[in-house]
Amino acid sequence: MATIEHSAILKAPPERVFALLERVEDFVDYSDLIRAIEPLGENRYRWHVHAVGRDWTFDVAITQSRAPEVLAWESLDGVENRGCYRLTPVAEGTEVALTLTYALHSRLVEKAVSKAAKPLVGRVSRQILERVEARL
């Protein structure tokens, strides 16, 4: 599995940051690449994303929600992936660390996608955290 990591410090306490991150449907407002997020019930969501010139739809389930420390999810279909936001209080506010792992089941495809995916996920993660911070 390939892993992408990104972190940032937001100038707010973990409880306020977590309160925004756990509102999954609002992620559509946090990134230009996210077109829609449909709640499916039971902590499941269908994401509609436009990236690398094409539309992607995939379902995810929240696997762990422990306020204000951890929000984790995994894919239910499409590209196999898991992600986790870990929130840690720091003097400046909250360090938010994202870890995203995915598997494409082809080393050649995974290597090619990783070249595009790492900068793309980094950009999206920065955009999401900047917009979350703006709402705080």
N, C-alpha and C. Protein backbone atom coordinates (compact mmCIF):
# COMPACT_ATOMS: atom_id res chain seq x y z
N MET A 1 0.84 -1.19 0.00
CA MET A 1 0.00 0.00 0.00
C MET A 1 0.88 1.24 0.00
N ALA A 2 0.47 2.24 -0.73
CA ALA A 2 1.17 3.52 -0.74
C ALA A 2 0.60 4.39 0.39
N THR A 3 1.44 5.24 0.94
CA THR A 3 1.02 6.10 2.05
C THR A 3 1.35 7.54 1.73
N ILE A 4 0.41 8.42 2.03
CA ILE A 4 0.59 9.86 1.88
C ILE A 4 0.32 10.48 3.24
N GLU A 5 1.21 11.38 3.67
CA GLU A 5 1.04 12.04 4.96
C GLU A 5 1.13 13.54 4.79
N HIS A 6 0.36 14.25 5.60
CA HIS A 6 0.39 15.71 5.59
C HIS A 6 -0.02 16.18 6.97
N SER A 7 0.59 17.26 7.44
CA SER A 7 0.18 17.81 8.73
C SER A 7 0.24 19.33 8.69
N ALA A 8 -0.51 19.93 9.60
CA ALA A 8 -0.55 21.39 9.71
C ALA A 8 -0.97 21.74 11.13
N ILE A 9 -0.65 22.95 11.53
CA ILE A 9 -1.08 23.44 12.83
C ILE A 9 -2.15 24.48 12.62
N LEU A 10 -3.30 24.27 13.26
CA LEU A 10 -4.42 25.21 13.18
C LEU A 10 -4.52 25.94 14.51
N LYS A 11 -4.81 27.23 14.44
CA LYS A 11 -4.83 28.06 15.63
C LYS A 11 -6.20 28.01 16.32
N ALA A 12 -6.52 26.82 16.84
CA ALA A 12 -7.77 26.61 17.56
C ALA A 12 -7.61 25.34 18.39
N PRO A 13 -8.42 25.20 19.44
CA PRO A 13 -8.32 23.99 20.27
C PRO A 13 -8.84 22.76 19.51
N PRO A 14 -8.35 21.57 19.87
CA PRO A 14 -8.74 20.34 19.18
C PRO A 14 -10.26 20.13 19.10
N GLU A 15 -10.99 20.50 20.14
CA GLU A 15 -12.44 20.30 20.14
C GLU A 15 -13.12 21.06 19.01
N ARG A 16 -12.68 22.28 18.75
CA ARG A 16 -13.28 23.08 17.66
C ARG A 16 -12.90 22.53 16.30
N VAL A 17 -11.63 22.12 16.15
CA VAL A 17 -11.18 21.55 14.88
C VAL A 17 -11.92 20.26 14.60
N PHE A 18 -12.00 19.38 15.59
CA PHE A 18 -12.67 18.10 15.42
C PHE A 18 -14.14 18.29 15.05
N ALA A 19 -14.80 19.27 15.69
CA ALA A 19 -16.21 19.52 15.41
C ALA A 19 -16.45 19.82 13.93
N LEU A 20 -15.50 20.49 13.29
CA LEU A 20 -15.64 20.77 11.85
C LEU A 20 -15.29 19.54 11.00
N LEU A 21 -14.23 18.83 11.38
CA LEU A 21 -13.81 17.66 10.59
C LEU A 21 -14.85 16.54 10.63
N GLU A 22 -15.57 16.38 11.72
CA GLU A 22 -16.53 15.29 11.80
C GLU A 22 -17.80 15.56 10.99
N ARG A 23 -17.98 16.78 10.50
CA ARG A 23 -19.12 17.10 9.64
C ARG A 23 -18.72 16.80 8.19
N VAL A 24 -18.72 15.52 7.87
CA VAL A 24 -18.20 15.03 6.59
C VAL A 24 -18.86 15.71 5.40
N GLU A 25 -20.16 15.93 5.46
CA GLU A 25 -20.85 16.55 4.32
C GLU A 25 -20.30 17.93 3.99
N ASP A 26 -19.71 18.62 4.97
CA ASP A 26 -19.17 19.95 4.74
C ASP A 26 -17.84 19.95 3.97
N PHE A 27 -17.22 18.79 3.80
CA PHE A 27 -15.96 18.74 3.07
C PHE A 27 -16.13 19.24 1.64
N VAL A 28 -17.34 19.21 1.12
CA VAL A 28 -17.58 19.73 -0.23
C VAL A 28 -17.24 21.23 -0.29
N ASP A 29 -17.34 21.92 0.85
CA ASP A 29 -17.00 23.35 0.90
C ASP A 29 -15.51 23.59 1.11
N TYR A 30 -14.76 22.53 1.44
CA TYR A 30 -13.36 22.68 1.80
C TYR A 30 -12.39 22.44 0.65
N SER A 31 -12.86 21.87 -0.45
CA SER A 31 -11.96 21.61 -1.58
C SER A 31 -12.69 21.77 -2.90
N ASP A 32 -12.01 22.38 -3.85
CA ASP A 32 -12.59 22.57 -5.18
C ASP A 32 -12.74 21.25 -5.94
N LEU A 33 -12.03 20.21 -5.53
CA LEU A 33 -12.08 18.93 -6.22
C LEU A 33 -13.26 18.07 -5.77
N ILE A 34 -13.82 18.35 -4.61
CA ILE A 34 -14.95 17.58 -4.10
C ILE A 34 -16.23 18.19 -4.64
N ARG A 35 -16.94 17.43 -5.47
CA ARG A 35 -18.16 17.94 -6.12
C ARG A 35 -19.40 17.76 -5.24
N ALA A 36 -19.49 16.62 -4.53
CA ALA A 36 -20.65 16.35 -3.68
C ALA A 36 -20.30 15.23 -2.72
N ILE A 37 -21.00 15.22 -1.59
CA ILE A 37 -20.88 14.13 -0.62
C ILE A 37 -22.30 13.80 -0.16
N GLU A 38 -22.69 12.56 -0.41
CA GLU A 38 -24.03 12.12 -0.04
C GLU A 38 -23.97 11.26 1.22
N PRO A 39 -24.71 11.63 2.27
CA PRO A 39 -24.80 10.75 3.44
C PRO A 39 -25.62 9.52 3.07
N LEU A 40 -25.13 8.35 3.42
CA LEU A 40 -25.83 7.09 3.12
C LEU A 40 -26.39 6.45 4.38
N GLY A 41 -26.18 7.08 5.53
CA GLY A 41 -26.62 6.52 6.81
C GLY A 41 -25.55 5.64 7.42
N GLU A 42 -25.67 5.41 8.72
CA GLU A 42 -24.75 4.54 9.45
C GLU A 42 -23.28 4.93 9.25
N ASN A 43 -22.99 6.24 9.28
CA ASN A 43 -21.62 6.74 9.12
C ASN A 43 -20.99 6.35 7.79
N ARG A 44 -21.80 6.30 6.75
CA ARG A 44 -21.32 5.99 5.40
C ARG A 44 -21.65 7.16 4.49
N TYR A 45 -20.73 7.40 3.53
CA TYR A 45 -20.88 8.55 2.64
C TYR A 45 -20.44 8.18 1.23
N ARG A 46 -21.11 8.76 0.24
CA ARG A 46 -20.69 8.61 -1.16
C ARG A 46 -20.07 9.93 -1.59
N TRP A 47 -18.79 9.86 -1.96
CA TRP A 47 -18.04 11.03 -2.39
C TRP A 47 -18.03 11.11 -3.91
N HIS A 48 -18.18 12.32 -4.44
CA HIS A 48 -18.05 12.60 -5.87
C HIS A 48 -16.92 13.61 -6.00
N VAL A 49 -15.84 13.19 -6.64
CA VAL A 49 -14.62 13.99 -6.73
C VAL A 49 -14.23 14.12 -8.20
N HIS A 50 -13.71 15.29 -8.55
CA HIS A 50 -13.15 15.48 -9.90
C HIS A 50 -11.66 15.73 -9.74
N ALA A 51 -10.85 14.78 -10.22
CA ALA A 51 -9.40 14.91 -10.09
C ALA A 51 -8.72 14.25 -11.28
N VAL A 52 -7.55 14.73 -11.60
CA VAL A 52 -6.74 14.27 -12.73
C VAL A 52 -7.59 14.07 -13.99
N GLY A 53 -8.46 15.05 -14.23
CA GLY A 53 -9.23 15.07 -15.47
C GLY A 53 -10.41 14.12 -15.55
N ARG A 54 -10.78 13.50 -14.44
CA ARG A 54 -11.94 12.61 -14.52
C ARG A 54 -12.74 12.64 -13.22
N ASP A 55 -13.97 12.15 -13.31
CA ASP A 55 -14.85 12.09 -12.15
C ASP A 55 -14.69 10.73 -11.46
N TRP A 56 -14.66 10.76 -10.13
CA TRP A 56 -14.52 9.57 -9.32
C TRP A 56 -15.67 9.55 -8.31
N THR A 57 -16.25 8.39 -8.11
CA THR A 57 -17.28 8.20 -7.09
C THR A 57 -16.88 7.01 -6.25
N PHE A 58 -16.93 7.17 -4.95
CA PHE A 58 -16.59 6.05 -4.07
C PHE A 58 -17.31 6.22 -2.74
N ASP A 59 -17.57 5.10 -2.09
CA ASP A 59 -18.23 5.09 -0.79
C ASP A 59 -17.20 4.85 0.30
N VAL A 60 -17.36 5.55 1.41
CA VAL A 60 -16.48 5.36 2.57
C VAL A 60 -17.33 5.21 3.83
N ALA A 61 -16.74 4.60 4.83
CA ALA A 61 -17.38 4.47 6.14
C ALA A 61 -16.44 5.04 7.19
N ILE A 62 -17.01 5.77 8.13
CA ILE A 62 -16.24 6.24 9.27
C ILE A 62 -16.01 5.03 10.17
N THR A 63 -14.75 4.73 10.45
CA THR A 63 -14.41 3.55 11.24
C THR A 63 -14.05 3.89 12.68
N GLN A 64 -13.69 5.15 12.90
CA GLN A 64 -13.36 5.58 14.25
C GLN A 64 -13.61 7.07 14.36
N SER A 65 -14.37 7.45 15.38
CA SER A 65 -14.63 8.85 15.65
C SER A 65 -14.53 9.02 17.17
N ARG A 66 -13.35 9.47 17.59
CA ARG A 66 -13.08 9.65 19.02
C ARG A 66 -12.69 11.12 19.24
N ALA A 67 -13.69 11.91 19.58
CA ALA A 67 -13.48 13.35 19.76
C ALA A 67 -12.62 13.60 20.99
N PRO A 68 -11.75 14.57 20.94
CA PRO A 68 -11.30 15.36 19.79
C PRO A 68 -9.97 14.87 19.23
N GLU A 69 -9.76 13.55 19.20
CA GLU A 69 -8.44 13.04 18.87
C GLU A 69 -8.30 12.37 17.51
N VAL A 70 -9.28 11.57 17.10
CA VAL A 70 -9.12 10.73 15.91
C VAL A 70 -10.41 10.68 15.10
N LEU A 71 -10.27 10.83 13.79
CA LEU A 71 -11.36 10.58 12.85
C LEU A 71 -10.77 9.73 11.73
N ALA A 72 -11.28 8.50 11.58
CA ALA A 72 -10.71 7.57 10.59
C ALA A 72 -11.81 7.01 9.71
N TRP A 73 -11.43 6.61 8.49
CA TRP A 73 -12.38 6.06 7.54
C TRP A 73 -11.69 5.02 6.67
N GLU A 74 -12.52 4.25 5.94
CA GLU A 74 -11.98 3.34 4.94
C GLU A 74 -12.97 3.22 3.81
N SER A 75 -12.46 2.90 2.63
CA SER A 75 -13.30 2.77 1.46
C SER A 75 -14.13 1.49 1.53
N LEU A 76 -15.29 1.54 0.93
CA LEU A 76 -16.16 0.38 0.83
C LEU A 76 -16.15 -0.18 -0.58
N ASP A 77 -15.75 0.64 -1.54
CA ASP A 77 -15.65 0.21 -2.93
C ASP A 77 -14.66 1.11 -3.66
N GLY A 78 -14.41 0.83 -4.92
CA GLY A 78 -13.46 1.63 -5.68
C GLY A 78 -12.04 1.38 -5.23
N VAL A 79 -11.22 2.42 -5.30
CA VAL A 79 -9.82 2.30 -4.89
C VAL A 79 -9.76 1.99 -3.40
N GLU A 80 -9.07 0.92 -3.05
CA GLU A 80 -8.92 0.54 -1.64
C GLU A 80 -8.11 1.61 -0.93
N ASN A 81 -8.70 2.22 0.10
CA ASN A 81 -7.98 3.25 0.84
C ASN A 81 -8.48 3.36 2.27
N ARG A 82 -7.63 3.92 3.11
CA ARG A 82 -7.93 4.21 4.50
C ARG A 82 -7.30 5.56 4.82
N GLY A 83 -7.96 6.29 5.69
CA GLY A 83 -7.41 7.57 6.09
C GLY A 83 -7.68 7.83 7.56
N CYS A 84 -6.90 8.73 8.11
CA CYS A 84 -7.05 9.06 9.53
C CYS A 84 -6.55 10.48 9.78
N TYR A 85 -7.38 11.27 10.45
CA TYR A 85 -6.94 12.55 11.00
C TYR A 85 -6.65 12.33 12.47
N ARG A 86 -5.46 12.72 12.92
CA ARG A 86 -5.11 12.68 14.34
C ARG A 86 -4.89 14.13 14.79
N LEU A 87 -5.56 14.51 15.85
CA LEU A 87 -5.47 15.86 16.37
C LEU A 87 -4.72 15.84 17.70
N THR A 88 -3.72 16.71 17.80
CA THR A 88 -2.89 16.78 18.99
C THR A 88 -2.81 18.24 19.45
N PRO A 89 -3.12 18.50 20.73
CA PRO A 89 -2.97 19.88 21.20
C PRO A 89 -1.50 20.28 21.24
N VAL A 90 -1.22 21.48 20.75
CA VAL A 90 0.13 22.06 20.80
C VAL A 90 -0.03 23.50 21.28
N ALA A 91 1.08 24.14 21.62
CA ALA A 91 1.03 25.50 22.16
C ALA A 91 0.30 26.47 21.22
N GLU A 92 0.47 26.27 19.90
CA GLU A 92 -0.14 27.18 18.92
C GLU A 92 -1.59 26.86 18.62
N GLY A 93 -2.11 25.73 19.11
CA GLY A 93 -3.49 25.33 18.81
C GLY A 93 -3.61 23.82 18.69
N THR A 94 -3.75 23.33 17.45
CA THR A 94 -3.92 21.89 17.22
C THR A 94 -3.09 21.46 16.02
N GLU A 95 -2.29 20.43 16.22
CA GLU A 95 -1.62 19.81 15.08
C GLU A 95 -2.58 18.78 14.51
N VAL A 96 -2.86 18.89 13.21
CA VAL A 96 -3.73 17.95 12.52
C VAL A 96 -2.84 17.17 11.55
N ALA A 97 -2.78 15.85 11.76
CA ALA A 97 -1.96 14.98 10.91
C ALA A 97 -2.88 14.04 10.14
N LEU A 98 -2.75 14.06 8.83
CA LEU A 98 -3.50 13.17 7.95
C LEU A 98 -2.57 12.06 7.47
N THR A 99 -3.04 10.83 7.56
CA THR A 99 -2.36 9.69 6.96
C THR A 99 -3.37 9.01 6.05
N LEU A 100 -3.01 8.83 4.80
CA LEU A 100 -3.89 8.20 3.82
C LEU A 100 -3.11 7.07 3.15
N THR A 101 -3.66 5.86 3.18
CA THR A 101 -3.03 4.74 2.50
C THR A 101 -3.98 4.23 1.43
N TYR A 102 -3.42 3.75 0.33
CA TYR A 102 -4.25 3.22 -0.75
C TYR A 102 -3.48 2.12 -1.47
N ALA A 103 -4.25 1.26 -2.13
CA ALA A 103 -3.65 0.17 -2.90
C ALA A 103 -4.34 0.10 -4.26
N LEU A 104 -3.54 -0.07 -5.29
CA LEU A 104 -4.08 -0.18 -6.65
C LEU A 104 -3.88 -1.59 -7.22
N HIS A 105 -3.23 -2.44 -6.48
CA HIS A 105 -3.04 -3.85 -6.85
C HIS A 105 -2.27 -4.04 -8.15
N SER A 106 -1.48 -3.06 -8.51
CA SER A 106 -0.57 -3.16 -9.65
C SER A 106 0.60 -2.24 -9.34
N ARG A 107 1.79 -2.80 -9.16
CA ARG A 107 2.95 -1.96 -8.81
C ARG A 107 3.23 -0.89 -9.84
N LEU A 108 3.08 -1.23 -11.10
CA LEU A 108 3.34 -0.27 -12.16
C LEU A 108 2.34 0.88 -12.11
N VAL A 109 1.06 0.54 -11.99
CA VAL A 109 0.03 1.58 -11.91
C VAL A 109 0.20 2.39 -10.63
N GLU A 110 0.48 1.70 -9.52
CA GLU A 110 0.64 2.39 -8.25
C GLU A 110 1.80 3.38 -8.30
N LYS A 111 2.89 2.99 -8.93
CA LYS A 111 4.05 3.88 -9.04
C LYS A 111 3.70 5.12 -9.86
N ALA A 112 3.00 4.92 -10.97
CA ALA A 112 2.60 6.05 -11.82
C ALA A 112 1.61 6.96 -11.10
N VAL A 113 0.63 6.37 -10.44
CA VAL A 113 -0.39 7.16 -9.75
C VAL A 113 0.22 7.90 -8.57
N SER A 114 1.16 7.27 -7.88
CA SER A 114 1.79 7.92 -6.72
C SER A 114 2.44 9.24 -7.10
N LYS A 115 3.04 9.30 -8.29
CA LYS A 115 3.65 10.56 -8.73
C LYS A 115 2.63 11.69 -8.77
N ALA A 116 1.41 11.39 -9.24
CA ALA A 116 0.36 12.40 -9.31
C ALA A 116 -0.39 12.52 -7.99
N ALA A 117 -0.59 11.39 -7.31
CA ALA A 117 -1.44 11.38 -6.12
C ALA A 117 -0.84 12.13 -4.96
N LYS A 118 0.43 11.96 -4.70
CA LYS A 118 1.03 12.61 -3.53
C LYS A 118 0.90 14.13 -3.59
N PRO A 119 1.28 14.78 -4.69
CA PRO A 119 1.09 16.24 -4.73
C PRO A 119 -0.39 16.63 -4.71
N LEU A 120 -1.24 15.84 -5.36
CA LEU A 120 -2.66 16.15 -5.40
C LEU A 120 -3.28 16.05 -4.02
N VAL A 121 -3.03 14.95 -3.31
CA VAL A 121 -3.58 14.79 -1.97
C VAL A 121 -3.00 15.84 -1.03
N GLY A 122 -1.73 16.15 -1.17
CA GLY A 122 -1.13 17.21 -0.36
C GLY A 122 -1.82 18.54 -0.59
N ARG A 123 -2.09 18.85 -1.86
CA ARG A 123 -2.78 20.11 -2.19
C ARG A 123 -4.19 20.13 -1.61
N VAL A 124 -4.92 19.04 -1.77
CA VAL A 124 -6.28 18.96 -1.26
C VAL A 124 -6.27 19.05 0.27
N SER A 125 -5.35 18.34 0.91
CA SER A 125 -5.27 18.38 2.37
C SER A 125 -4.99 19.79 2.86
N ARG A 126 -4.04 20.48 2.22
CA ARG A 126 -3.74 21.87 2.59
C ARG A 126 -4.98 22.75 2.41
N GLN A 127 -5.67 22.58 1.28
CA GLN A 127 -6.86 23.37 1.00
C GLN A 127 -7.94 23.11 2.06
N ILE A 128 -8.16 21.84 2.39
CA ILE A 128 -9.16 21.49 3.40
C ILE A 128 -8.82 22.13 4.74
N LEU A 129 -7.57 21.96 5.18
CA LEU A 129 -7.20 22.50 6.49
C LEU A 129 -7.20 24.02 6.52
N GLU A 130 -6.83 24.66 5.41
CA GLU A 130 -6.90 26.13 5.35
C GLU A 130 -8.35 26.61 5.46
N ARG A 131 -9.26 25.92 4.78
CA ARG A 131 -10.67 26.33 4.83
C ARG A 131 -11.33 25.99 6.17
N VAL A 132 -10.91 24.89 6.78
CA VAL A 132 -11.39 24.59 8.13
C VAL A 132 -10.92 25.68 9.08
N GLU A 133 -9.65 26.05 8.98
CA GLU A 133 -9.11 27.09 9.85
C GLU A 133 -9.86 28.41 9.65
N ALA A 134 -10.21 28.73 8.41
CA ALA A 134 -10.92 29.98 8.13
C ALA A 134 -12.30 29.98 8.80
N ARG A 135 -12.90 28.81 8.97
CA ARG A 135 -14.21 28.72 9.64
C ARG A 135 -14.13 28.78 11.16
N LEU A 136 -12.94 28.57 11.69
CA LEU A 136 -12.82 28.54 13.16
C LEU A 136 -13.00 29.90 13.79
